[in-house]
Amino acid sequence: MADQLGASGDFAWAYVIAHEMGHHVQNESGTTAEVAKAAPDEQTGADGLSVRTELQADCYAGVWASTVYEEGDLDDGDIAEAFGAARAVGDDRLQKQATGTVQPDTFTHGTSQQRRAWFDRGYRSADPGACDTFSADL
């Protein structure tokens, strides 16, 4: 991750794993099944359900990180590494890096700023209820 994306530090990896666990929460709560029922044109684009699903997983990762921080197992540098990783994997940054252009209509995960913001929202709130990306303005 550090070499290809510029996301360094051990907690950058923890962020990715926590994000994937956020998808597990979505599976268990029925969110994934509900999103799958939507029409294909609702799935894609900067405000699409795919982006909203990914940002919710980022928020859940932030909730987990908040819990770990409160337990004394993280420091501010770890959170900075998570923020760096979230920004590194934004659609805008990855597209710009790969093609030199950004095409929001093809986004699947959200912008760098959105990913960082939703992780931060989960981290600051420590509340999964704050992770409703489906009714929020992105």
C-alpha atoms as a PDB file:
ATOM      1  CA  MET A   1       0.000   0.000   0.000  1.00  0.00           C
ATOM      2  CA  ALA A   2       2.806   2.392   0.768  1.00  0.00           C
ATOM      3  CA  ASP A   3       4.582   1.842  -2.547  1.00  0.00           C
ATOM      4  CA  GLN A   4       1.604   1.910  -4.900  1.00  0.00           C
ATOM      5  CA  LEU A   5      -0.831   4.159  -3.058  1.00  0.00           C
ATOM      6  CA  GLY A   6       1.314   6.238  -0.745  1.00  0.00           C
ATOM      7  CA  ALA A   7      -0.612   4.971   2.295  1.00  0.00           C
ATOM      8  CA  SER A   8       2.005   4.151   4.883  1.00  0.00           C
ATOM      9  CA  GLY A   9       1.893   2.759   8.381  1.00  0.00           C
ATOM     10  CA  ASP A  10       0.545  -0.350  10.002  1.00  0.00           C
ATOM     11  CA  PHE A  11      -2.799   1.234  10.745  1.00  0.00           C
ATOM     12  CA  ALA A  12      -3.379   1.881   7.047  1.00  0.00           C
ATOM     13  CA  TRP A  13      -3.740  -1.885   6.735  1.00  0.00           C
ATOM     14  CA  ALA A  14      -6.001  -2.010   9.800  1.00  0.00           C
ATOM     15  CA  TYR A  15      -8.266   0.568   8.147  1.00  0.00           C
ATOM     16  CA  VAL A  16      -8.619  -1.657   5.063  1.00  0.00           C
ATOM     17  CA  ILE A  17      -9.437  -4.705   7.185  1.00  0.00           C
ATOM     18  CA  ALA A  18     -11.930  -2.720   9.276  1.00  0.00           C
ATOM     19  CA  HIS A  19     -13.551  -1.430   6.071  1.00  0.00           C
ATOM     20  CA  GLU A  20     -13.985  -5.025   4.894  1.00  0.00           C
ATOM     21  CA  MET A  21     -15.493  -5.926   8.281  1.00  0.00           C
ATOM     22  CA  GLY A  22     -17.894  -3.041   7.679  1.00  0.00           C
ATOM     23  CA  HIS A  23     -19.068  -4.926   4.602  1.00  0.00           C
ATOM     24  CA  HIS A  24     -19.650  -7.952   6.823  1.00  0.00           C
ATOM     25  CA  VAL A  25     -21.863  -5.804   9.065  1.00  0.00           C
ATOM     26  CA  GLN A  26     -23.761  -4.726   5.941  1.00  0.00           C
ATOM     27  CA  ASN A  27     -24.236  -8.361   4.950  1.00  0.00           C
ATOM     28  CA  GLU A  28     -25.489  -9.307   8.392  1.00  0.00           C
ATOM     29  CA  SER A  29     -27.831  -6.319   8.673  1.00  0.00           C
ATOM     30  CA  GLY A  30     -29.398  -6.867   5.239  1.00  0.00           C
ATOM     31  CA  THR A  31     -28.014  -3.683   3.703  1.00  0.00           C
ATOM     32  CA  THR A  32     -26.146  -5.573   0.985  1.00  0.00           C
ATOM     33  CA  ALA A  33     -29.274  -7.493  -0.033  1.00  0.00           C
ATOM     34  CA  GLU A  34     -31.353  -4.298  -0.172  1.00  0.00           C
ATOM     35  CA  VAL A  35     -28.787  -2.538  -2.335  1.00  0.00           C
ATOM     36  CA  ALA A  36     -28.633  -5.538  -4.668  1.00  0.00           C
ATOM     37  CA  LYS A  37     -32.376  -5.204  -5.325  1.00  0.00           C
ATOM     38  CA  ALA A  38     -31.982  -1.686  -6.723  1.00  0.00           C
ATOM     39  CA  ALA A  39     -31.969  -0.987 -10.428  1.00  0.00           C
ATOM     40  CA  PRO A  40     -28.543  -0.971 -12.105  1.00  0.00           C
ATOM     41  CA  ASP A  41     -28.731   2.761 -12.882  1.00  0.00           C
ATOM     42  CA  GLU A  42     -29.112   3.447  -9.141  1.00  0.00           C
ATOM     43  CA  GLN A  43     -25.896   1.560  -8.377  1.00  0.00           C
ATOM     44  CA  THR A  44     -23.327   3.652 -10.229  1.00  0.00           C
ATOM     45  CA  GLY A  45     -22.082   7.219 -10.217  1.00  0.00           C
ATOM     46  CA  ALA A  46     -20.929   9.693  -7.613  1.00  0.00           C
ATOM     47  CA  ASP A  47     -24.213   9.456  -5.653  1.00  0.00           C
ATOM     48  CA  GLY A  48     -24.957   5.832  -6.485  1.00  0.00           C
ATOM     49  CA  LEU A  49     -25.670   3.038  -4.080  1.00  0.00           C
ATOM     50  CA  SER A  50     -22.258   1.484  -4.664  1.00  0.00           C
ATOM     51  CA  VAL A  51     -20.555   4.642  -3.399  1.00  0.00           C
ATOM     52  CA  ARG A  52     -22.977   4.924  -0.471  1.00  0.00           C
ATOM     53  CA  THR A  53     -22.299   1.302   0.477  1.00  0.00           C
ATOM     54  CA  GLU A  54     -18.542   1.826   0.416  1.00  0.00           C
ATOM     55  CA  LEU A  55     -18.737   5.045   2.427  1.00  0.00           C
ATOM     56  CA  GLN A  56     -20.866   3.323   5.032  1.00  0.00           C
ATOM     57  CA  ALA A  57     -18.187   0.626   5.357  1.00  0.00           C
ATOM     58  CA  ASP A  58     -15.638   3.433   5.869  1.00  0.00           C
ATOM     59  CA  CYS A  59     -17.836   4.903   8.589  1.00  0.00           C
ATOM     60  CA  TYR A  60     -18.138   1.532  10.323  1.00  0.00           C
ATOM     61  CA  ALA A  61     -14.351   1.241  10.188  1.00  0.00           C
ATOM     62  CA  GLY A  62     -14.180   4.600  11.960  1.00  0.00           C
ATOM     63  CA  VAL A  63     -16.570   3.395  14.663  1.00  0.00           C
ATOM     64  CA  TRP A  64     -14.297   0.416  15.271  1.00  0.00           C
ATOM     65  CA  ALA A  65     -11.210   2.645  15.366  1.00  0.00           C
ATOM     66  CA  SER A  66     -12.887   4.882  17.942  1.00  0.00           C
ATOM     67  CA  THR A  67     -13.502   1.909  20.181  1.00  0.00           C
ATOM     68  CA  VAL A  68      -9.915   0.732  19.869  1.00  0.00           C
ATOM     69  CA  TYR A  69      -8.637   4.259  20.563  1.00  0.00           C
ATOM     70  CA  GLU A  70     -10.791   4.551  23.682  1.00  0.00           C
ATOM     71  CA  GLU A  71      -9.353   1.257  24.899  1.00  0.00           C
ATOM     72  CA  GLY A  72      -5.906   2.859  24.686  1.00  0.00           C
ATOM     73  CA  ASP A  73      -4.649   0.714  21.844  1.00  0.00           C
ATOM     74  CA  LEU A  74      -4.160   3.511  19.278  1.00  0.00           C
ATOM     75  CA  ASP A  75      -2.551   6.895  19.167  1.00  0.00           C
ATOM     76  CA  ASP A  76      -3.178   9.956  17.016  1.00  0.00           C
ATOM     77  CA  GLY A  77      -0.551   8.788  14.516  1.00  0.00           C
ATOM     78  CA  ASP A  78      -2.571   5.642  13.863  1.00  0.00           C
ATOM     79  CA  ILE A  79      -5.659   7.665  13.053  1.00  0.00           C
ATOM     80  CA  ALA A  80      -3.593   9.852  10.722  1.00  0.00           C
ATOM     81  CA  GLU A  81      -2.490   6.676   8.921  1.00  0.00           C
ATOM     82  CA  ALA A  82      -6.127   5.626   8.510  1.00  0.00           C
ATOM     83  CA  PHE A  83      -6.989   9.060   7.116  1.00  0.00           C
ATOM     84  CA  GLY A  84      -4.099   8.758   4.677  1.00  0.00           C
ATOM     85  CA  ALA A  85      -5.254   5.329   3.539  1.00  0.00           C
ATOM     86  CA  ALA A  86      -8.847   6.524   3.114  1.00  0.00           C
ATOM     87  CA  ARG A  87      -7.674   9.407   0.948  1.00  0.00           C
ATOM     88  CA  ALA A  88      -5.343   7.135  -1.027  1.00  0.00           C
ATOM     89  CA  VAL A  89      -8.148   4.857  -2.183  1.00  0.00           C
ATOM     90  CA  GLY A  90     -10.639   7.491  -3.315  1.00  0.00           C
ATOM     91  CA  ASP A  91     -12.003   7.035  -6.827  1.00  0.00           C
ATOM     92  CA  ASP A  92     -10.882  10.507  -7.846  1.00  0.00           C
ATOM     93  CA  ARG A  93      -7.290   9.904  -6.803  1.00  0.00           C
ATOM     94  CA  LEU A  94      -7.106   6.408  -8.275  1.00  0.00           C
ATOM     95  CA  GLN A  95      -8.626   7.513 -11.587  1.00  0.00           C
ATOM     96  CA  LYS A  96      -6.342  10.534 -11.829  1.00  0.00           C
ATOM     97  CA  GLN A  97      -3.340   8.328 -11.084  1.00  0.00           C
ATOM     98  CA  ALA A  98      -4.345   5.689 -13.640  1.00  0.00           C
ATOM     99  CA  THR A  99      -5.682   7.769 -16.514  1.00  0.00           C
ATOM    100  CA  GLY A 100      -4.960  11.408 -15.780  1.00  0.00           C
ATOM    101  CA  THR A 101      -8.688  12.203 -15.684  1.00  0.00           C
ATOM    102  CA  VAL A 102     -11.539  11.903 -13.203  1.00  0.00           C
ATOM    103  CA  GLN A 103     -14.954  10.586 -14.264  1.00  0.00           C
ATOM    104  CA  PRO A 104     -17.476  10.836 -11.398  1.00  0.00           C
ATOM    105  CA  ASP A 105     -20.123   8.923 -13.339  1.00  0.00           C
ATOM    106  CA  THR A 106     -17.937   5.816 -13.001  1.00  0.00           C
ATOM    107  CA  PHE A 107     -17.246   6.136  -9.266  1.00  0.00           C
ATOM    108  CA  THR A 108     -17.795   3.016  -7.173  1.00  0.00           C
ATOM    109  CA  HIS A 109     -16.195   3.928  -3.811  1.00  0.00           C
ATOM    110  CA  GLY A 110     -16.362   7.709  -3.385  1.00  0.00           C
ATOM    111  CA  THR A 111     -13.836  10.517  -3.500  1.00  0.00           C
ATOM    112  CA  SER A 112     -10.775  10.737  -1.301  1.00  0.00           C
ATOM    113  CA  GLN A 113     -12.426  13.500   0.704  1.00  0.00           C
ATOM    114  CA  GLN A 114     -15.647  11.519   1.146  1.00  0.00           C
ATOM    115  CA  ARG A 115     -13.836   8.396   2.275  1.00  0.00           C
ATOM    116  CA  ARG A 116     -11.824  10.317   4.841  1.00  0.00           C
ATOM    117  CA  ALA A 117     -14.893  12.253   5.998  1.00  0.00           C
ATOM    118  CA  TRP A 118     -17.030   9.164   6.530  1.00  0.00           C
ATOM    119  CA  PHE A 119     -14.252   7.344   8.381  1.00  0.00           C
ATOM    120  CA  ASP A 120     -13.899  10.464  10.541  1.00  0.00           C
ATOM    121  CA  ARG A 121     -17.647  10.617  11.125  1.00  0.00           C
ATOM    122  CA  GLY A 122     -17.628   7.066  12.458  1.00  0.00           C
ATOM    123  CA  TYR A 123     -14.511   7.728  14.490  1.00  0.00           C
ATOM    124  CA  ARG A 124     -15.816  10.926  16.108  1.00  0.00           C
ATOM    125  CA  SER A 125     -19.312   9.596  16.800  1.00  0.00           C
ATOM    126  CA  ALA A 126     -18.371   6.043  17.840  1.00  0.00           C
ATOM    127  CA  ASP A 127     -21.938   5.276  16.786  1.00  0.00           C
ATOM    128  CA  PRO A 128     -22.921   2.976  13.911  1.00  0.00           C
ATOM    129  CA  GLY A 129     -26.188   4.918  13.749  1.00  0.00           C
ATOM    130  CA  ALA A 130     -24.221   7.893  12.435  1.00  0.00           C
ATOM    131  CA  CYS A 131     -23.284   5.860   9.350  1.00  0.00           C
ATOM    132  CA  ASP A 132     -26.493   6.276   7.337  1.00  0.00           C
ATOM    133  CA  THR A 133     -24.966   7.187   4.008  1.00  0.00           C
ATOM    134  CA  PHE A 134     -28.175   6.267   2.198  1.00  0.00           C
ATOM    135  CA  SER A 135     -30.183   9.245   3.416  1.00  0.00           C
ATOM    136  CA  ALA A 136     -27.276  11.672   3.809  1.00  0.00           C
ATOM    137  CA  ASP A 137     -26.067  14.242   1.327  1.00  0.00           C
ATOM    138  CA  LEU A 138     -22.722  13.087   0.044  1.00  0.00           C
END
